[in-house]
Amino acid sequence: MQVAIFLFDGVTALDAVGSYEALFRLPQVQVSFCALTIWRNLFCRAGNTQR
C-alpha cells in the first residue's frame, strides 16, 4: 500500500512526522511526502523504506 502525506503551508512538523512514524512501521506500507513546487508541479519523495 502506498500512503502520501501532503505538505502545505500551515502543516506542522508534528502533523507530518507523527503520521509518518505511525504508518511506516506497518508491513507492506510505503509512505511518501508530497508537496506542490512553486511552479505548481507535484513533487513526492519516499520516506525511509528500511525496517
C-alpha atoms as a PDB file:
ATOM      1  CA  MET A   1       0.000   0.000   0.000  1.00  0.00           C
ATOM      2  CA  GLN A   2       1.231   3.489  -0.772  1.00  0.00           C
ATOM      3  CA  VAL A   3       0.381   6.386   1.542  1.00  0.00           C
ATOM      4  CA  ALA A   4       1.077  10.043   0.703  1.00  0.00           C
ATOM      5  CA  ILE A   5       1.484  12.721   3.357  1.00  0.00           C
ATOM      6  CA  PHE A   6       0.896  16.102   1.750  1.00  0.00           C
ATOM      7  CA  LEU A   7       2.943  19.047   2.985  1.00  0.00           C
ATOM      8  CA  PHE A   8       1.476  22.540   2.646  1.00  0.00           C
ATOM      9  CA  ASP A   9       1.547  25.961   4.254  1.00  0.00           C
ATOM     10  CA  GLY A  10       0.455  25.641   7.856  1.00  0.00           C
ATOM     11  CA  VAL A  11       1.209  21.938   8.353  1.00  0.00           C
ATOM     12  CA  THR A  12       3.332  21.411  11.449  1.00  0.00           C
ATOM     13  CA  ALA A  13       6.233  19.017  11.838  1.00  0.00           C
ATOM     14  CA  LEU A  14       4.171  17.018  14.330  1.00  0.00           C
ATOM     15  CA  ASP A  15       1.371  16.571  11.759  1.00  0.00           C
ATOM     16  CA  ALA A  16       3.748  15.166   9.143  1.00  0.00           C
ATOM     17  CA  VAL A  17       6.248  13.256  11.263  1.00  0.00           C
ATOM     18  CA  GLY A  18       3.668  11.881  13.680  1.00  0.00           C
ATOM     19  CA  SER A  19       1.680  10.357  10.826  1.00  0.00           C
ATOM     20  CA  TYR A  20       4.860   9.050   9.212  1.00  0.00           C
ATOM     21  CA  GLU A  21       6.053   7.413  12.440  1.00  0.00           C
ATOM     22  CA  ALA A  22       2.743   5.599  12.882  1.00  0.00           C
ATOM     23  CA  LEU A  23       2.399   4.443   9.264  1.00  0.00           C
ATOM     24  CA  PHE A  24       5.906   3.458   8.195  1.00  0.00           C
ATOM     25  CA  ARG A  25       6.032   0.632  10.741  1.00  0.00           C
ATOM     26  CA  LEU A  26       3.094  -1.171   9.122  1.00  0.00           C
ATOM     27  CA  PRO A  27       4.054  -4.103   6.905  1.00  0.00           C
ATOM     28  CA  GLN A  28       3.938  -3.508   3.167  1.00  0.00           C
ATOM     29  CA  VAL A  29       3.272   0.242   3.515  1.00  0.00           C
ATOM     30  CA  GLN A  30       5.369   2.797   1.642  1.00  0.00           C
ATOM     31  CA  VAL A  31       4.980   6.349   2.911  1.00  0.00           C
ATOM     32  CA  SER A  32       5.823   9.354   0.731  1.00  0.00           C
ATOM     33  CA  PHE A  33       5.880  13.074   1.428  1.00  0.00           C
ATOM     34  CA  CYS A  34       4.295  15.208  -1.306  1.00  0.00           C
ATOM     35  CA  ALA A  35       4.125  18.958  -1.919  1.00  0.00           C
ATOM     36  CA  LEU A  36       3.468  21.413  -4.718  1.00  0.00           C
ATOM     37  CA  THR A  37       6.509  23.244  -6.028  1.00  0.00           C
ATOM     38  CA  ILE A  38       6.479  26.967  -6.738  1.00  0.00           C
ATOM     39  CA  TRP A  39       5.801  26.030 -10.358  1.00  0.00           C
ATOM     40  CA  ARG A  40       2.694  24.066  -9.271  1.00  0.00           C
ATOM     41  CA  ASN A  41       4.277  20.700 -10.041  1.00  0.00           C
ATOM     42  CA  LEU A  42       3.616  17.845  -7.647  1.00  0.00           C
ATOM     43  CA  PHE A  43       6.813  16.575  -6.012  1.00  0.00           C
ATOM     44  CA  CYS A  44       6.891  13.355  -3.962  1.00  0.00           C
ATOM     45  CA  ARG A  45       9.759  11.734  -2.114  1.00  0.00           C
ATOM     46  CA  ALA A  46       9.601   8.329  -0.449  1.00  0.00           C
ATOM     47  CA  GLY A  47      10.465   8.276   3.216  1.00  0.00           C
ATOM     48  CA  ASN A  48      12.814   5.767   4.786  1.00  0.00           C
ATOM     49  CA  THR A  49      11.903   2.338   3.443  1.00  0.00           C
ATOM     50  CA  GLN A  50      14.329   0.479   5.727  1.00  0.00           C
ATOM     51  CA  ARG A  51      12.696  -1.503   8.509  1.00  0.00           C
END
